[in-house]
Amino acid sequence: MTKGKVITIVEGEIKPEQEEAFINSFNALNEIPKGLLKSYILQGKTDGLWQVLSMWESEEALAYMQKTTTTPAAIELFKNLGSKPTVRVVFVRGEKL
């Protein structure tokens, strides 16, 4: 496992009429997994693609969440609206304010 922070990027298409439901569902998430530092919901400017970007304290924290969760919340947000999200994991190699 690598040292340092990890970011997950879950991306999928959300139809314009689903945007409010998607945002409300994201804002209603109450359970914060151990090791999750920050999570953002991002909207593409014109393409209908949305992302949930989450920063984890370590690869171990992400692995623990994956091991103890049937379907991660970010993926569930998309699936609940009929979207088939893609998932990427990237490693933070530098950080500035």
C-alpha atoms as a PDB file:
ATOM      1  CA  MET A   1       0.000   0.000   0.000  1.00  0.00           C
ATOM      2  CA  THR A   2       1.136   3.514  -0.725  1.00  0.00           C
ATOM      3  CA  LYS A   3       1.676   6.225   1.832  1.00  0.00           C
ATOM      4  CA  GLY A   4      -0.286   9.431   1.785  1.00  0.00           C
ATOM      5  CA  LYS A   5      -3.726  10.564   0.788  1.00  0.00           C
ATOM      6  CA  VAL A   6      -5.885   8.937  -1.859  1.00  0.00           C
ATOM      7  CA  ILE A   7      -8.678  10.434  -3.971  1.00  0.00           C
ATOM      8  CA  THR A   8     -11.584   8.529  -5.445  1.00  0.00           C
ATOM      9  CA  ILE A   9     -13.427   9.975  -8.435  1.00  0.00           C
ATOM     10  CA  VAL A  10     -16.837   8.490  -9.128  1.00  0.00           C
ATOM     11  CA  GLU A  11     -18.293   9.853 -12.373  1.00  0.00           C
ATOM     12  CA  GLY A  12     -21.582   9.357 -14.145  1.00  0.00           C
ATOM     13  CA  GLU A  13     -24.209  11.023 -16.249  1.00  0.00           C
ATOM     14  CA  ILE A  14     -27.062  12.779 -14.483  1.00  0.00           C
ATOM     15  CA  LYS A  15     -29.999  14.055 -16.507  1.00  0.00           C
ATOM     16  CA  PRO A  16     -31.008  17.697 -15.949  1.00  0.00           C
ATOM     17  CA  GLU A  17     -34.308  16.665 -14.357  1.00  0.00           C
ATOM     18  CA  GLN A  18     -32.368  14.486 -11.855  1.00  0.00           C
ATOM     19  CA  GLU A  19     -29.870  17.119 -10.744  1.00  0.00           C
ATOM     20  CA  GLU A  20     -31.820  18.356  -7.733  1.00  0.00           C
ATOM     21  CA  ALA A  21     -32.459  14.798  -6.497  1.00  0.00           C
ATOM     22  CA  PHE A  22     -28.764  13.968  -6.938  1.00  0.00           C
ATOM     23  CA  ILE A  23     -27.642  17.030  -4.970  1.00  0.00           C
ATOM     24  CA  ASN A  24     -30.232  16.415  -2.245  1.00  0.00           C
ATOM     25  CA  SER A  25     -29.174  12.782  -1.918  1.00  0.00           C
ATOM     26  CA  PHE A  26     -25.521  13.796  -1.612  1.00  0.00           C
ATOM     27  CA  ASN A  27     -26.364  16.422   1.022  1.00  0.00           C
ATOM     28  CA  ALA A  28     -28.458  13.897   2.967  1.00  0.00           C
ATOM     29  CA  LEU A  29     -25.529  11.508   3.453  1.00  0.00           C
ATOM     30  CA  ASN A  30     -24.909  11.409   7.207  1.00  0.00           C
ATOM     31  CA  GLU A  31     -22.619   8.455   7.762  1.00  0.00           C
ATOM     32  CA  ILE A  32     -18.989   9.503   7.414  1.00  0.00           C
ATOM     33  CA  PRO A  33     -16.678   6.523   6.897  1.00  0.00           C
ATOM     34  CA  LYS A  34     -13.556   6.410   9.020  1.00  0.00           C
ATOM     35  CA  GLY A  35     -10.673   8.017   7.162  1.00  0.00           C
ATOM     36  CA  LEU A  36     -12.779  10.159   4.810  1.00  0.00           C
ATOM     37  CA  LEU A  37     -11.340  13.677   4.922  1.00  0.00           C
ATOM     38  CA  LYS A  38     -13.503  15.575   2.438  1.00  0.00           C
ATOM     39  CA  SER A  39     -16.017  14.895  -0.291  1.00  0.00           C
ATOM     40  CA  TYR A  40     -17.220  17.132  -3.108  1.00  0.00           C
ATOM     41  CA  ILE A  41     -19.968  16.891  -5.686  1.00  0.00           C
ATOM     42  CA  LEU A  42     -18.870  18.356  -9.014  1.00  0.00           C
ATOM     43  CA  GLN A  43     -20.869  19.199 -12.121  1.00  0.00           C
ATOM     44  CA  GLY A  44     -19.435  19.308 -15.628  1.00  0.00           C
ATOM     45  CA  LYS A  45     -20.069  22.617 -17.340  1.00  0.00           C
ATOM     46  CA  THR A  46     -22.094  21.321 -20.286  1.00  0.00           C
ATOM     47  CA  ASP A  47     -21.760  17.547 -20.693  1.00  0.00           C
ATOM     48  CA  GLY A  48     -24.169  16.194 -18.052  1.00  0.00           C
ATOM     49  CA  LEU A  49     -21.321  14.433 -16.271  1.00  0.00           C
ATOM     50  CA  TRP A  50     -21.128  14.721 -12.524  1.00  0.00           C
ATOM     51  CA  GLN A  51     -18.432  13.544 -10.132  1.00  0.00           C
ATOM     52  CA  VAL A  52     -18.169  12.737  -6.481  1.00  0.00           C
ATOM     53  CA  LEU A  53     -14.573  13.408  -5.504  1.00  0.00           C
ATOM     54  CA  SER A  54     -13.545  12.082  -2.096  1.00  0.00           C
ATOM     55  CA  MET A  55     -10.221  12.448  -0.299  1.00  0.00           C
ATOM     56  CA  TRP A  56      -9.127   9.656   2.033  1.00  0.00           C
ATOM     57  CA  GLU A  57      -6.400   9.858   4.665  1.00  0.00           C
ATOM     58  CA  SER A  58      -4.726   6.741   3.262  1.00  0.00           C
ATOM     59  CA  GLU A  59      -5.067   3.805   0.922  1.00  0.00           C
ATOM     60  CA  GLU A  60      -5.688   1.664   4.012  1.00  0.00           C
ATOM     61  CA  ALA A  61      -8.683   3.818   5.004  1.00  0.00           C
ATOM     62  CA  LEU A  62     -10.150   3.447   1.508  1.00  0.00           C
ATOM     63  CA  ALA A  63      -9.540  -0.314   1.536  1.00  0.00           C
ATOM     64  CA  TYR A  64     -11.255  -0.611   4.926  1.00  0.00           C
ATOM     65  CA  MET A  65     -14.331   1.244   3.652  1.00  0.00           C
ATOM     66  CA  GLN A  66     -14.457  -0.973   0.567  1.00  0.00           C
ATOM     67  CA  LYS A  67     -14.147  -4.105   2.698  1.00  0.00           C
ATOM     68  CA  THR A  68     -16.871  -3.094   5.158  1.00  0.00           C
ATOM     69  CA  THR A  69     -19.387  -1.598   2.703  1.00  0.00           C
ATOM     70  CA  THR A  70     -21.561  -3.452   0.213  1.00  0.00           C
ATOM     71  CA  THR A  71     -21.750  -0.498  -2.200  1.00  0.00           C
ATOM     72  CA  PRO A  72     -19.954   2.785  -1.476  1.00  0.00           C
ATOM     73  CA  ALA A  73     -22.305   5.752  -1.041  1.00  0.00           C
ATOM     74  CA  ALA A  74     -20.881   7.685  -3.996  1.00  0.00           C
ATOM     75  CA  ILE A  75     -21.605   4.785  -6.347  1.00  0.00           C
ATOM     76  CA  GLU A  76     -25.062   4.310  -4.849  1.00  0.00           C
ATOM     77  CA  LEU A  77     -25.921   7.979  -5.525  1.00  0.00           C
ATOM     78  CA  PHE A  78     -25.487   7.424  -9.251  1.00  0.00           C
ATOM     79  CA  LYS A  79     -27.054   3.958  -9.390  1.00  0.00           C
ATOM     80  CA  ASN A  80     -30.181   5.159  -7.593  1.00  0.00           C
ATOM     81  CA  LEU A  81     -30.817   7.481 -10.537  1.00  0.00           C
ATOM     82  CA  GLY A  82     -30.117   4.866 -13.199  1.00  0.00           C
ATOM     83  CA  SER A  83     -26.580   6.007 -13.996  1.00  0.00           C
ATOM     84  CA  LYS A  84     -23.666   3.597 -14.409  1.00  0.00           C
ATOM     85  CA  PRO A  85     -20.709   5.360 -12.816  1.00  0.00           C
ATOM     86  CA  THR A  86     -17.039   4.820 -13.428  1.00  0.00           C
ATOM     87  CA  VAL A  87     -14.559   4.857 -10.557  1.00  0.00           C
ATOM     88  CA  ARG A  88     -10.950   6.007 -10.523  1.00  0.00           C
ATOM     89  CA  VAL A  89      -8.477   6.002  -7.662  1.00  0.00           C
ATOM     90  CA  VAL A  90      -5.557   8.436  -7.724  1.00  0.00           C
ATOM     91  CA  PHE A  91      -2.759   9.024  -5.244  1.00  0.00           C
ATOM     92  CA  VAL A  92      -1.899  12.490  -3.934  1.00  0.00           C
ATOM     93  CA  ARG A  93       1.773  13.182  -4.598  1.00  0.00           C
ATOM     94  CA  GLY A  94       1.845  16.844  -3.679  1.00  0.00           C
ATOM     95  CA  GLU A  95      -0.402  19.275  -1.889  1.00  0.00           C
ATOM     96  CA  LYS A  96      -0.618  23.059  -1.590  1.00  0.00           C
ATOM     97  CA  LEU A  97      -3.145  25.354  -0.059  1.00  0.00           C
END
